[in-house]
Amino acid sequence: MRTPSWWLPAGIEPAAAWLLASRMLRGFADGYVAVLLPAYLGALGMSVVEIGVLSTLTLAGSAVATIAVGALGHRFRASRLMLGAALTMVATGLGFAGLHAFWPLALVAFVGTLNPSSGDVSVFLPLEHARLARAASTSAARTALFSRYALAGGLSAAVGALASAWPAWWSAHAGGAVLDAMRAMFVLYAVIGAVVALLYRGFIAHEHRDQAATADANPDAPQPLGPSRGIVIRMAGLFCIDSFAGGLLVNSMLALWLFKRFGLSLGGAGQFFFWSGLMMTASQLLAPVLARRFGLVNTMTFTHIPASLFLIAASLVPTLPLALASLLMRSMLSSMDVPARNAFVMAVVTPPERAAAASFTAVPRSLASALGPTIGASLLASGVLAAPLVACGVLKITYDLLLLGMFRSHPVD
């Protein structure tokens, strides 16, 4: 099979196209799961707090798996880890489709790959980021590649969010049970995991051919953190703040807020997250341009702060149209930092440390954010509906100011 390399920027190895295709498929699955999850668990009879706890367990499990990859991943072949993650995705989808009690689902949520947020916080992230960084020959090419990667995930997640309305449509037009249609969506999640495993096999085979052609069987072999340990620890500490704030309002919790605050339907939520995802994706195309002009850190912070202000505004407005407008304005700005942040992490560490650095900076995004859904759901259950949005916005602005002060003048390659 010919490698799809036409969408790659200059200075990028063609094998990276397999990872971009994988990110698109996983983004589609994550997009509809994040919207569908609270409705599905509610249909199973679970309370708001139980939904928050299950969301927490998905993120906590991802954090544990990511820690393991960072600490022990250099001892194993990356190809085996990637295929293992894809097969775990298959098992996760089948588990959620076949189980209905809280504790069995809690176990699957913890060990599985389900992602209730708008970004990629799973074990896939460090494995793919390290391979993407190796595929770029320059810092500019690396930023452009991570922008393509974020674009692939964001666009497909937007389409996935729109697909979350399919169970309601199918029930209305075919007369089937909504719950059965929701279960079918989790079976589809498992099928997507199987396809991701096939894409990984294609990537691994292509990468091996490239290495054999260059007589370089193991360039920049992965190593645990060494010279870059200090800066990685500082970045990880900052990412804890951002991740905890984001955890208060992962997409599943934001959907739940819209259900509770304004009575929005599942179909309406799917349409909102579709347009929100499109705006996030379109904005990420500007990230490489802004990064070249203003620098990676400036791009991260000066787009993120206004997004947080729009989020706070959404919590205070009295009507659904105003809230959706504020949230869409937030979407236009909130994800421009993603490719810049990923490129910055890969640029400030040595090549052999990139897999470990990706893992240890991704851990806070899973571990700290894991606390958020339970807290956010508890606030929603108590009736303080604006609190999760305001807290998320304030904490993210704090993170941006600290990041700007600590790393604005840090050199990158």
Protein backbone atom coordinates (compact mmCIF):
# COMPACT_ATOMS: atom_id res chain seq x y z
CA MET A 1 0.00 0.00 0.00
CA ARG A 2 1.32 3.41 -0.94
CA THR A 3 1.99 5.77 1.95
CA PRO A 4 -0.35 8.84 1.92
CA SER A 5 2.29 11.60 2.13
CA TRP A 6 0.71 14.43 0.11
CA TRP A 7 -0.55 16.20 3.23
CA LEU A 8 2.88 16.41 4.90
CA PRO A 9 4.90 19.64 5.10
CA ALA A 10 8.43 19.84 3.73
CA GLY A 11 11.16 18.28 5.86
CA ILE A 12 8.95 15.45 7.17
CA GLU A 13 9.52 11.72 6.66
CA PRO A 14 6.63 10.08 4.75
CA ALA A 15 6.10 7.47 7.48
CA ALA A 16 4.52 10.19 9.66
CA ALA A 17 1.42 10.06 7.44
CA TRP A 18 0.42 6.77 9.07
CA LEU A 19 0.37 8.46 12.48
CA LEU A 20 -1.70 11.37 11.15
CA ALA A 21 -4.24 8.88 9.79
CA SER A 22 -4.33 7.13 13.16
CA ARG A 23 -4.90 10.46 14.91
CA MET A 24 -7.84 11.20 12.62
CA LEU A 25 -9.54 7.92 13.46
CA ARG A 26 -8.93 8.24 17.17
CA GLY A 27 -10.11 11.86 17.09
CA PHE A 28 -13.38 10.80 15.47
CA ALA A 29 -13.95 8.18 18.17
CA ASP A 30 -13.01 10.55 21.00
CA GLY A 31 -15.25 13.25 19.51
CA TYR A 32 -18.46 11.27 19.74
CA VAL A 33 -17.57 9.44 22.96
CA ALA A 34 -17.03 12.71 24.87
CA VAL A 35 -20.55 13.90 24.00
CA LEU A 36 -22.22 10.49 24.19
CA LEU A 37 -20.67 9.31 27.46
CA PRO A 38 -22.75 11.38 29.95
CA ALA A 39 -25.98 10.65 28.05
CA TYR A 40 -25.15 6.93 27.84
CA LEU A 41 -24.27 6.63 31.52
CA GLY A 42 -27.37 8.61 32.45
CA ALA A 43 -29.48 6.23 30.36
CA LEU A 44 -27.94 3.37 32.36
CA GLY A 45 -29.32 5.04 35.50
CA MET A 46 -26.13 6.59 36.88
CA SER A 47 -26.12 9.83 38.86
CA VAL A 48 -24.26 13.02 37.96
CA VAL A 49 -21.56 12.26 40.54
CA GLU A 50 -21.12 8.68 39.25
CA ILE A 51 -20.70 10.06 35.73
CA GLY A 52 -18.01 12.41 37.05
CA VAL A 53 -16.25 9.58 38.87
CA LEU A 54 -16.15 7.42 35.72
CA SER A 55 -14.73 10.36 33.76
CA THR A 56 -12.12 10.77 36.48
CA LEU A 57 -11.18 7.09 36.28
CA THR A 58 -10.67 7.27 32.51
CA LEU A 59 -8.20 10.12 32.96
CA ALA A 60 -6.49 8.57 36.00
CA GLY A 61 -5.97 5.31 34.13
CA SER A 62 -4.48 7.18 31.18
CA ALA A 63 -2.10 8.91 33.59
CA VAL A 64 -0.90 5.62 35.07
CA ALA A 65 -0.33 4.14 31.62
CA THR A 66 1.51 7.27 30.51
CA ILE A 67 3.75 7.18 33.58
CA ALA A 68 4.60 3.57 32.78
CA VAL A 69 5.53 4.49 29.21
CA GLY A 70 7.75 7.32 30.44
CA ALA A 71 9.50 5.28 33.13
CA LEU A 72 9.71 1.87 31.49
CA GLY A 73 8.92 2.39 27.82
CA HIS A 74 12.57 2.58 26.79
CA ARG A 75 12.91 -1.08 27.81
CA PHE A 76 10.41 -2.26 25.22
CA ARG A 77 10.07 -1.91 21.48
CA ALA A 78 7.91 1.07 20.64
CA SER A 79 6.06 -0.99 18.04
CA ARG A 80 4.82 -3.42 20.69
CA LEU A 81 3.65 -0.60 22.93
CA MET A 82 1.77 1.06 20.08
CA LEU A 83 0.02 -2.15 19.06
CA GLY A 84 -0.79 -2.91 22.69
CA ALA A 85 -2.44 0.51 23.07
CA ALA A 86 -4.55 -0.07 19.95
CA LEU A 87 -5.71 -3.49 21.17
CA THR A 88 -6.60 -1.94 24.54
CA MET A 89 -8.80 0.49 22.60
CA VAL A 90 -10.62 -2.49 21.10
CA ALA A 91 -11.20 -4.02 24.54
CA THR A 92 -12.40 -0.68 25.94
CA GLY A 93 -15.10 -0.26 23.31
CA LEU A 94 -16.37 -3.81 23.77
CA GLY A 95 -16.35 -3.40 27.56
CA PHE A 96 -18.47 -0.26 27.52
CA ALA A 97 -20.85 -1.80 24.98
CA GLY A 98 -21.36 -5.01 26.95
CA LEU A 99 -21.35 -3.88 30.59
CA HIS A 100 -23.93 -1.76 32.43
CA ALA A 101 -23.10 -1.83 36.16
CA PHE A 102 -21.00 0.91 37.76
CA TRP A 103 -18.08 -1.12 39.12
CA PRO A 104 -17.35 -3.21 36.00
CA LEU A 105 -17.49 -0.02 33.93
CA ALA A 106 -15.23 1.68 36.46
CA LEU A 107 -12.61 -1.04 35.93
CA VAL A 108 -12.81 -0.73 32.14
CA ALA A 109 -12.68 3.06 32.42
CA PHE A 110 -9.46 2.89 34.46
CA VAL A 111 -7.54 0.36 32.37
CA GLY A 112 -8.98 1.43 29.01
CA THR A 113 -8.39 4.24 26.53
CA LEU A 114 -11.66 6.19 26.72
CA ASN A 115 -11.11 9.95 26.47
CA PRO A 116 -13.85 12.31 27.78
CA SER A 117 -11.93 15.48 26.96
CA SER A 118 -11.40 17.60 23.87
CA GLY A 119 -7.69 16.79 23.61
CA ASP A 120 -5.58 13.65 23.40
CA VAL A 121 -4.68 12.68 26.95
CA SER A 122 -4.29 8.94 26.44
CA VAL A 123 -1.29 6.63 26.36
CA PHE A 124 -1.22 7.09 22.58
CA LEU A 125 0.10 10.64 23.02
CA PRO A 126 3.70 10.00 24.20
CA LEU A 127 4.12 7.08 21.83
CA GLU A 128 3.06 9.09 18.78
CA HIS A 129 4.68 12.39 19.82
CA ALA A 130 8.12 10.84 20.13
CA ARG A 131 7.83 9.27 16.67
CA LEU A 132 6.53 12.51 15.15
CA ALA A 133 9.44 14.49 16.60
CA ARG A 134 11.90 12.07 15.00
CA ALA A 135 10.16 12.50 11.65
CA ALA A 136 10.90 16.26 11.48
CA SER A 137 14.28 17.59 10.35
CA THR A 138 14.00 21.17 11.72
CA SER A 139 12.19 23.08 14.46
CA ALA A 140 9.93 24.80 11.90
CA ALA A 141 9.07 21.45 10.29
CA ARG A 142 8.35 20.01 13.73
CA THR A 143 5.91 22.81 14.58
CA ALA A 144 4.22 22.40 11.20
CA LEU A 145 3.95 18.63 11.69
CA PHE A 146 2.43 18.98 15.16
CA SER A 147 0.01 21.50 13.70
CA ARG A 148 -1.03 18.92 11.06
CA TYR A 149 -1.36 16.36 13.85
CA ALA A 150 -3.58 18.66 15.92
CA LEU A 151 -5.54 19.55 12.78
CA ALA A 152 -6.16 15.89 11.99
CA GLY A 153 -7.38 15.20 15.51
CA GLY A 154 -9.47 18.35 15.83
CA LEU A 155 -11.26 18.07 12.50
CA SER A 156 -12.12 14.43 12.97
CA ALA A 157 -13.23 15.07 16.57
CA ALA A 158 -15.64 17.72 15.27
CA VAL A 159 -17.16 15.21 12.84
CA GLY A 160 -17.28 12.67 15.66
CA ALA A 161 -19.18 15.11 17.88
CA LEU A 162 -21.77 15.49 15.12
CA ALA A 163 -22.01 11.70 14.89
CA SER A 164 -22.99 11.53 18.57
CA ALA A 165 -26.51 12.53 17.51
CA TRP A 166 -26.89 9.31 15.49
CA PRO A 167 -28.52 7.25 18.29
CA ALA A 168 -31.33 9.80 18.70
CA TRP A 169 -31.78 10.04 14.91
CA TRP A 170 -31.82 6.27 14.52
CA SER A 171 -34.39 5.88 17.30
CA ALA A 172 -36.65 8.55 15.80
CA HIS A 173 -36.50 7.23 12.23
CA ALA A 174 -36.02 3.47 12.68
CA GLY A 175 -37.92 3.00 15.92
CA GLY A 176 -35.06 1.29 17.73
CA ALA A 177 -34.03 1.80 21.34
CA VAL A 178 -31.69 4.75 21.91
CA LEU A 179 -29.68 2.75 24.43
CA ASP A 180 -29.01 -0.02 21.89
CA ALA A 181 -27.84 2.59 19.37
CA MET A 182 -25.51 4.08 21.99
CA ARG A 183 -24.04 0.64 22.64
CA ALA A 184 -23.45 0.27 18.91
CA MET A 185 -21.36 3.44 19.00
CA PHE A 186 -19.05 1.82 21.53
CA VAL A 187 -18.75 -1.25 19.30
CA LEU A 188 -17.71 1.15 16.54
CA TYR A 189 -15.09 2.51 18.96
CA ALA A 190 -13.65 -1.02 19.19
CA VAL A 191 -13.64 -1.39 15.39
CA ILE A 192 -11.75 1.89 15.08
CA GLY A 193 -9.18 0.56 17.54
CA ALA A 194 -8.63 -2.46 15.29
CA VAL A 195 -8.10 -0.18 12.27
CA VAL A 196 -5.62 1.91 14.29
CA ALA A 197 -3.67 -1.28 14.99
CA LEU A 198 -3.47 -1.93 11.25
CA LEU A 199 -2.25 1.62 10.62
CA TYR A 200 0.43 1.17 13.26
CA ARG A 201 1.60 -1.97 11.50
CA GLY A 202 1.88 0.02 8.28
CA PHE A 203 3.81 2.79 10.04
CA ILE A 204 6.19 0.32 11.68
CA ALA A 205 6.88 -1.48 8.40
CA HIS A 206 7.49 1.80 6.54
CA GLU A 207 9.73 3.12 9.31
CA HIS A 208 11.80 -0.05 9.26
CA ARG A 209 12.26 0.28 5.50
CA ASP A 210 13.41 3.88 5.90
CA GLN A 211 15.91 2.90 8.58
CA ALA A 212 17.26 0.03 6.50
CA ALA A 213 17.66 2.34 3.50
CA THR A 214 19.72 4.78 5.54
CA ALA A 215 21.67 2.05 7.35
CA ASP A 216 20.47 3.56 10.64
CA ALA A 217 18.61 0.90 12.52
CA ASN A 218 17.95 2.89 15.70
CA PRO A 219 18.51 6.64 15.50
CA ASP A 220 18.28 8.56 18.74
CA ALA A 221 17.37 5.45 20.74
CA PRO A 222 14.92 6.35 23.51
CA GLN A 223 16.45 6.96 26.93
CA PRO A 224 15.07 7.99 30.33
CA LEU A 225 15.26 11.65 31.30
CA GLY A 226 18.77 12.95 31.90
CA PRO A 227 20.11 16.41 30.95
CA SER A 228 16.62 17.79 30.39
CA ARG A 229 15.16 16.57 33.67
CA GLY A 230 15.02 20.03 35.27
CA ILE A 231 13.07 21.78 32.53
CA VAL A 232 10.76 18.80 32.08
CA ILE A 233 9.89 18.84 35.80
CA ARG A 234 9.15 22.58 35.66
CA MET A 235 6.95 22.18 32.60
CA ALA A 236 5.17 19.23 34.16
CA GLY A 237 4.44 21.29 37.27
CA LEU A 238 2.90 24.06 35.20
CA PHE A 239 0.91 21.61 33.12
CA CYS A 240 -0.63 20.33 36.37
CA ILE A 241 -2.42 23.66 36.77
CA ASP A 242 -3.67 23.75 33.20
CA SER A 243 -4.72 20.10 33.26
CA PHE A 244 -6.59 20.33 36.55
CA ALA A 245 -8.45 23.37 35.23
CA GLY A 246 -9.29 21.59 31.99
CA GLY A 247 -10.46 18.55 33.93
CA LEU A 248 -13.18 20.61 35.56
CA LEU A 249 -14.71 21.05 32.13
CA VAL A 250 -13.73 18.17 29.85
CA ASN A 251 -16.14 17.81 26.93
CA SER A 252 -18.29 15.25 28.73
CA MET A 253 -18.69 17.67 31.66
CA LEU A 254 -19.35 20.62 29.36
CA ALA A 255 -22.04 18.57 27.61
CA LEU A 256 -23.50 17.69 31.00
CA TRP A 257 -23.47 21.41 31.94
CA LEU A 258 -25.38 22.27 28.76
CA PHE A 259 -27.88 19.49 29.49
CA LYS A 260 -28.43 20.71 33.07
CA ARG A 261 -28.19 24.49 32.59
CA PHE A 262 -30.22 24.92 29.40
CA GLY A 263 -31.84 21.52 28.73
CA LEU A 264 -29.92 21.11 25.46
CA SER A 265 -30.70 17.87 23.60
CA LEU A 266 -28.12 15.25 22.64
CA GLY A 267 -28.53 16.23 18.99
CA GLY A 268 -28.11 19.92 19.82
CA ALA A 269 -24.98 19.16 21.86
CA GLY A 270 -23.56 17.17 18.96
CA GLN A 271 -24.10 20.11 16.60
CA PHE A 272 -22.50 22.53 19.05
CA PHE A 273 -19.42 20.37 19.53
CA PHE A 274 -19.17 19.90 15.77
CA TRP A 275 -18.95 23.66 15.14
CA SER A 276 -16.77 24.12 18.21
CA GLY A 277 -14.39 21.45 16.96
CA LEU A 278 -14.26 23.02 13.50
CA MET A 279 -13.33 26.38 15.01
CA MET A 280 -10.64 24.80 17.17
CA THR A 281 -9.23 23.00 14.17
CA ALA A 282 -9.23 26.06 11.92
CA SER A 283 -7.47 28.10 14.59
CA GLN A 284 -4.68 25.55 14.85
CA LEU A 285 -3.70 26.25 11.26
CA LEU A 286 -2.53 29.66 12.45
CA ALA A 287 -0.28 28.23 15.16
CA PRO A 288 2.84 27.69 12.98
CA VAL A 289 2.44 31.16 11.45
CA LEU A 290 2.11 32.83 14.84
CA ALA A 291 4.94 30.75 16.29
CA ARG A 292 7.33 31.85 13.55
CA ARG A 293 6.36 35.47 14.09
CA PHE A 294 6.00 35.70 17.87
CA GLY A 295 7.63 32.55 19.30
CA LEU A 296 6.17 29.36 20.72
CA VAL A 297 5.54 30.58 24.28
CA ASN A 298 3.94 33.85 23.21
CA THR A 299 1.67 31.95 20.84
CA MET A 300 0.64 29.63 23.65
CA THR A 301 -0.22 32.31 26.20
CA PHE A 302 -1.62 35.25 24.23
CA THR A 303 -4.23 33.06 22.53
CA HIS A 304 -5.10 31.09 25.66
CA ILE A 305 -5.92 33.99 27.99
CA PRO A 306 -8.76 35.49 25.87
CA ALA A 307 -10.21 31.98 25.47
CA SER A 308 -10.47 31.69 29.26
CA LEU A 309 -12.21 35.07 29.48
CA PHE A 310 -14.85 33.89 27.00
CA LEU A 311 -15.34 30.73 29.09
CA ILE A 312 -16.01 32.79 32.21
CA ALA A 313 -18.43 34.94 30.23
CA ALA A 314 -20.34 31.83 29.12
CA SER A 315 -21.00 30.92 32.73
CA LEU A 316 -22.58 34.30 33.47
CA VAL A 317 -24.88 34.96 30.50
CA PRO A 318 -28.59 34.18 30.96
CA THR A 319 -29.56 32.55 27.66
CA LEU A 320 -28.46 29.54 25.62
CA PRO A 321 -27.62 31.52 22.43
CA LEU A 322 -25.31 33.86 24.37
CA ALA A 323 -23.67 30.95 26.17
CA LEU A 324 -23.09 29.06 22.93
CA ALA A 325 -21.71 32.20 21.27
CA SER A 326 -19.24 32.73 24.13
CA LEU A 327 -18.18 29.08 24.03
CA LEU A 328 -17.68 29.22 20.26
CA MET A 329 -15.52 32.34 20.64
CA ARG A 330 -13.53 30.41 23.21
CA SER A 331 -13.14 27.55 20.73
CA MET A 332 -11.59 29.89 18.16
CA LEU A 333 -8.68 30.56 20.53
CA SER A 334 -8.40 27.77 23.08
CA SER A 335 -6.45 25.21 21.03
CA MET A 336 -3.87 27.35 19.22
CA ASP A 337 -1.47 26.50 22.02
CA VAL A 338 -1.61 22.75 21.38
CA PRO A 339 0.83 22.39 18.44
CA ALA A 340 3.04 25.14 19.89
CA ARG A 341 3.19 23.42 23.28
CA ASN A 342 3.94 20.00 21.78
CA ALA A 343 6.65 21.46 19.55
CA PHE A 344 8.15 23.40 22.49
CA VAL A 345 8.44 20.27 24.64
CA MET A 346 10.14 18.35 21.83
CA ALA A 347 12.47 21.30 21.05
CA VAL A 348 13.88 21.88 24.55
CA VAL A 349 14.95 18.28 25.27
CA THR A 350 17.57 16.10 23.61
CA PRO A 351 16.31 13.68 20.92
CA PRO A 352 16.84 10.49 22.98
CA GLU A 353 14.77 11.99 25.83
CA ARG A 354 11.76 12.91 23.72
CA ALA A 355 9.66 9.82 24.45
CA ALA A 356 10.26 10.18 28.18
CA ALA A 357 9.65 13.95 28.05
CA ALA A 358 6.39 13.45 26.15
CA SER A 359 5.29 10.96 28.78
CA PHE A 360 6.27 13.00 31.82
CA THR A 361 4.72 16.21 30.51
CA ALA A 362 1.59 14.33 29.42
CA VAL A 363 1.17 12.74 32.85
CA PRO A 364 -0.09 15.95 34.50
CA ARG A 365 -2.53 16.43 31.67
CA SER A 366 -4.07 13.08 32.63
CA LEU A 367 -3.36 12.81 36.36
CA ALA A 368 -4.20 16.39 37.39
CA SER A 369 -7.17 16.58 35.03
CA ALA A 370 -8.43 13.30 36.49
CA LEU A 371 -9.40 15.15 39.67
CA GLY A 372 -11.49 17.67 37.77
CA PRO A 373 -14.54 15.74 36.49
CA THR A 374 -15.54 14.46 39.93
CA ILE A 375 -15.17 17.95 41.43
CA GLY A 376 -16.95 19.57 38.49
CA ALA A 377 -19.78 17.03 38.63
CA SER A 378 -20.14 17.57 42.39
CA LEU A 379 -20.48 21.31 41.81
CA LEU A 380 -23.10 20.68 39.13
CA ALA A 381 -24.99 18.30 41.41
CA SER A 382 -24.97 20.91 44.21
CA GLY A 383 -26.59 23.47 41.93
CA VAL A 384 -23.59 25.82 41.58
CA LEU A 385 -23.69 25.60 37.80
CA ALA A 386 -21.37 28.51 37.02
CA ALA A 387 -18.59 27.39 39.38
CA PRO A 388 -16.79 24.84 37.13
CA LEU A 389 -16.55 27.31 34.23
CA VAL A 390 -15.33 30.23 36.36
CA ALA A 391 -12.79 28.07 38.21
CA CYS A 392 -11.51 26.60 34.95
CA GLY A 393 -11.05 30.06 33.39
CA VAL A 394 -9.29 31.59 36.39
CA LEU A 395 -6.89 28.67 36.82
CA LYS A 396 -6.01 28.62 33.12
CA ILE A 397 -5.20 32.34 33.14
CA THR A 398 -2.94 31.73 36.15
CA TYR A 399 -1.16 28.96 34.26
CA ASP A 400 -0.65 31.17 31.20
CA LEU A 401 0.91 33.99 33.23
CA LEU A 402 3.27 31.59 35.02
CA LEU A 403 4.27 29.94 31.74
CA LEU A 404 4.99 33.30 30.17
CA GLY A 405 7.14 34.40 33.10
CA MET A 406 9.16 31.16 33.31
CA PHE A 407 9.79 30.27 29.66
CA ARG A 408 9.31 33.34 27.47
CA SER A 409 13.06 33.79 26.93
CA HIS A 410 13.99 30.11 26.85
CA PRO A 411 15.90 29.20 23.65
CA VAL A 412 14.63 26.50 21.29
CA ASP A 413 16.38 24.79 18.41
